Protein backbone atom coordinates (compact mmCIF):
# COMPACT_ATOMS: atom_id res chain seq x y z
CA MET A 1 -1.37 13.38 34.80
CA LYS A 2 -0.18 14.41 38.12
CA VAL A 3 3.59 14.72 36.80
CA LEU A 4 2.16 16.68 34.36
CA GLN A 5 0.26 18.89 36.75
CA ARG A 6 3.27 19.19 38.78
CA GLU A 7 5.80 20.10 36.16
CA PHE A 8 3.77 22.77 34.28
CA LYS A 9 2.02 25.08 36.82
CA ASP A 10 -0.45 26.02 33.49
CA GLN A 11 -1.19 24.35 30.65
CA PRO A 12 0.97 24.25 27.94
CA VAL A 13 -0.06 26.33 25.11
CA ILE A 14 2.03 24.18 22.53
CA THR A 15 3.12 20.89 22.72
CA GLY A 16 4.52 18.15 20.34
CA GLY A 17 4.54 14.36 20.12
CA ASP A 18 6.03 11.38 18.34
CA ALA A 19 4.49 8.16 19.80
CA THR A 20 0.86 7.28 21.02
CA TRP A 21 2.23 7.63 24.76
CA ASP A 22 2.36 11.29 24.12
CA ARG A 23 -1.42 11.66 23.84
CA PHE A 24 -1.61 12.75 27.24
CA LEU A 25 0.63 15.41 27.11
CA LEU A 26 -0.95 16.37 23.87
CA ALA A 27 -4.36 16.30 25.66
CA TYR A 28 -2.80 18.30 28.78
CA THR A 29 -2.19 21.65 26.17
CA THR A 30 -4.81 24.33 26.86
CA GLN A 31 -7.81 23.79 24.73
CA ASN A 32 -7.14 26.77 22.40
CA GLY A 33 -3.60 25.35 21.96
CA ILE A 34 -1.40 23.87 19.28
CA ARG A 35 -0.37 20.53 19.24
CA LEU A 36 2.16 18.98 16.98
CA TRP A 37 3.08 15.61 15.69
CA THR A 38 6.36 14.47 14.52
CA GLY A 39 5.52 10.38 14.71
CA ASP A 40 4.20 8.13 12.02
CA PRO A 41 1.50 9.33 10.17
CA GLY A 42 -0.84 6.43 10.63
CA GLU A 43 -1.20 7.22 14.18
CA TYR A 44 -1.38 10.88 13.64
CA GLU A 45 -4.34 9.78 11.31
CA ILE A 46 -5.88 7.58 14.38
CA LEU A 47 -5.46 10.62 17.28
CA LYS A 48 -6.43 13.11 14.92
CA GLU A 49 -9.98 11.16 14.21
CA LYS A 50 -10.09 9.86 17.87
CA TYR A 51 -8.80 12.33 20.12
CA PHE A 52 -8.29 15.60 18.89
CA LYS A 53 -10.90 16.05 15.63
CA ASP A 54 -11.92 19.75 16.49
CA LEU A 55 -8.60 21.01 17.95
CA ALA A 56 -5.37 22.46 16.44
CA PHE A 57 -3.33 19.37 15.97
CA TYR A 58 -0.90 19.24 13.01
CA GLN A 59 1.21 16.63 11.52
CA ILE A 60 4.79 18.35 10.57
């Protein structure tokens, strides 16, 4: 998390990921930001249900 805070002065508005480890970047997105998923559909469902249920999180 400290690396993200150092690299991004403000929280990013749009982030994307394709592996479970990208959860930390997706979680660092602004509350009203958009999270994109390009990885495994099964992992997307788990992440959506467990961490991003009420947030803008989309599989592309």
